[in-house]
Amino acid sequence: EFVDQSFIKEGVTIIDVGINRVDDDSEKGYKLVGDVAFEAVQGIAGSITPVPGGVGPMTIAMLVENTVEAAEKSLV
């Protein structure tokens, strides 16, 4: 969570693709957070993707699509 409100302008769209494990007092002993301090920028940014639950599934889908496409091209 190193990107805070000092890095952004009002109304920007933030796509947070980072994922980091931060120690906390929960049962697991950690929580997952993005590179952007979500709570700190939420009132400033026009929109922001959450972490976890943001762009991760789309990233995986595109990696699979590109892998399949590369495999198909190698068979031709």
C-alpha atoms as a PDB file:
ATOM      1  CA  GLU A   1       0.000   0.000   0.000  1.00  0.00           C
ATOM      2  CA  PHE A   2       2.719   2.459  -0.910  1.00  0.00           C
ATOM      3  CA  VAL A   3       0.649   4.574  -3.346  1.00  0.00           C
ATOM      4  CA  ASP A   4      -1.288   7.043  -1.212  1.00  0.00           C
ATOM      5  CA  GLN A   5      -3.274  10.234  -1.825  1.00  0.00           C
ATOM      6  CA  SER A   6      -0.094  12.239  -2.488  1.00  0.00           C
ATOM      7  CA  PHE A   7       0.416  10.304  -5.739  1.00  0.00           C
ATOM      8  CA  ILE A   8      -2.983  10.884  -7.362  1.00  0.00           C
ATOM      9  CA  LYS A   9      -5.185  13.668  -8.689  1.00  0.00           C
ATOM     10  CA  GLU A  10      -8.880  14.020  -8.001  1.00  0.00           C
ATOM     11  CA  GLY A  11     -11.174  11.975 -10.225  1.00  0.00           C
ATOM     12  CA  VAL A  12      -8.558   9.592 -11.646  1.00  0.00           C
ATOM     13  CA  THR A  13      -9.287   5.941 -12.378  1.00  0.00           C
ATOM     14  CA  ILE A  14      -6.917   3.567 -10.599  1.00  0.00           C
ATOM     15  CA  ILE A  15      -6.428  -0.022 -11.740  1.00  0.00           C
ATOM     16  CA  ASP A  16      -4.508  -1.670  -8.911  1.00  0.00           C
ATOM     17  CA  VAL A  17      -2.792  -4.811 -10.207  1.00  0.00           C
ATOM     18  CA  GLY A  18      -0.457  -5.328  -7.249  1.00  0.00           C
ATOM     19  CA  ILE A  19      -1.061  -7.889  -4.537  1.00  0.00           C
ATOM     20  CA  ASN A  20       0.868  -8.000  -1.287  1.00  0.00           C
ATOM     21  CA  ARG A  21       0.611  -9.937   1.947  1.00  0.00           C
ATOM     22  CA  VAL A  22       0.644  -7.728   5.053  1.00  0.00           C
ATOM     23  CA  ASP A  23       0.830  -9.106   8.596  1.00  0.00           C
ATOM     24  CA  ASP A  24      -2.174  -8.375  10.830  1.00  0.00           C
ATOM     25  CA  ASP A  25      -3.970  -9.720  13.913  1.00  0.00           C
ATOM     26  CA  SER A  26      -6.510 -11.844  12.023  1.00  0.00           C
ATOM     27  CA  GLU A  27      -6.785 -15.612  12.387  1.00  0.00           C
ATOM     28  CA  LYS A  28      -4.727 -16.068   9.204  1.00  0.00           C
ATOM     29  CA  GLY A  29      -2.094 -13.664  10.471  1.00  0.00           C
ATOM     30  CA  TYR A  30      -2.113 -11.579   7.311  1.00  0.00           C
ATOM     31  CA  LYS A  31      -4.330  -9.758   4.830  1.00  0.00           C
ATOM     32  CA  LEU A  32      -4.010  -9.231   1.087  1.00  0.00           C
ATOM     33  CA  VAL A  33      -3.724  -5.641  -0.119  1.00  0.00           C
ATOM     34  CA  GLY A  34      -2.856  -3.891  -3.350  1.00  0.00           C
ATOM     35  CA  ASP A  35      -0.146  -1.363  -4.121  1.00  0.00           C
ATOM     36  CA  VAL A  36      -2.634   1.473  -3.585  1.00  0.00           C
ATOM     37  CA  ALA A  37      -3.828   2.480  -0.103  1.00  0.00           C
ATOM     38  CA  PHE A  38      -7.505   1.905  -0.949  1.00  0.00           C
ATOM     39  CA  GLU A  39      -9.065   3.741   1.997  1.00  0.00           C
ATOM     40  CA  ALA A  40      -6.704   6.714   1.645  1.00  0.00           C
ATOM     41  CA  VAL A  41      -7.526   7.340  -2.024  1.00  0.00           C
ATOM     42  CA  GLN A  42     -11.151   6.168  -2.164  1.00  0.00           C
ATOM     43  CA  GLY A  43     -12.577   9.646  -1.605  1.00  0.00           C
ATOM     44  CA  ILE A  44     -10.209  11.259  -4.114  1.00  0.00           C
ATOM     45  CA  ALA A  45     -10.152   8.796  -7.006  1.00  0.00           C
ATOM     46  CA  GLY A  46     -13.083   8.667  -9.397  1.00  0.00           C
ATOM     47  CA  SER A  47     -12.912   4.876  -9.319  1.00  0.00           C
ATOM     48  CA  ILE A  48     -10.527   2.202  -8.080  1.00  0.00           C
ATOM     49  CA  THR A  49     -10.324  -1.557  -8.474  1.00  0.00           C
ATOM     50  CA  PRO A  50     -10.248  -3.489  -5.194  1.00  0.00           C
ATOM     51  CA  VAL A  51      -7.570  -5.989  -4.154  1.00  0.00           C
ATOM     52  CA  PRO A  52      -8.336  -8.816  -3.834  1.00  0.00           C
ATOM     53  CA  GLY A  53     -11.323  -9.236  -6.140  1.00  0.00           C
ATOM     54  CA  GLY A  54     -10.324  -6.750  -8.810  1.00  0.00           C
ATOM     55  CA  VAL A  55      -8.529  -7.428 -12.074  1.00  0.00           C
ATOM     56  CA  GLY A  56      -6.918 -10.748 -11.070  1.00  0.00           C
ATOM     57  CA  PRO A  57      -9.516 -12.995 -12.754  1.00  0.00           C
ATOM     58  CA  MET A  58      -9.239 -10.969 -15.986  1.00  0.00           C
ATOM     59  CA  THR A  59      -5.443 -11.241 -15.869  1.00  0.00           C
ATOM     60  CA  ILE A  60      -5.682 -15.024 -15.544  1.00  0.00           C
ATOM     61  CA  ALA A  61      -8.235 -15.266 -18.365  1.00  0.00           C
ATOM     62  CA  MET A  62      -6.023 -13.255 -20.712  1.00  0.00           C
ATOM     63  CA  LEU A  63      -2.938 -15.326 -19.825  1.00  0.00           C
ATOM     64  CA  VAL A  64      -4.856 -18.510 -20.630  1.00  0.00           C
ATOM     65  CA  GLU A  65      -6.138 -17.030 -23.912  1.00  0.00           C
ATOM     66  CA  ASN A  66      -2.640 -15.949 -24.956  1.00  0.00           C
ATOM     67  CA  THR A  67      -1.185 -19.344 -24.019  1.00  0.00           C
ATOM     68  CA  VAL A  68      -3.805 -21.184 -26.081  1.00  0.00           C
ATOM     69  CA  GLU A  69      -3.259 -18.819 -29.023  1.00  0.00           C
ATOM     70  CA  ALA A  70       0.522 -19.352 -28.870  1.00  0.00           C
ATOM     71  CA  ALA A  71       0.057 -23.132 -28.714  1.00  0.00           C
ATOM     72  CA  GLU A  72      -2.281 -23.075 -31.726  1.00  0.00           C
ATOM     73  CA  LYS A  73       0.200 -21.004 -33.745  1.00  0.00           C
ATOM     74  CA  SER A  74       3.031 -23.392 -32.903  1.00  0.00           C
ATOM     75  CA  LEU A  75       1.032 -26.326 -34.319  1.00  0.00           C
ATOM     76  CA  VAL A  76       0.517 -24.725 -37.725  1.00  0.00           C
END
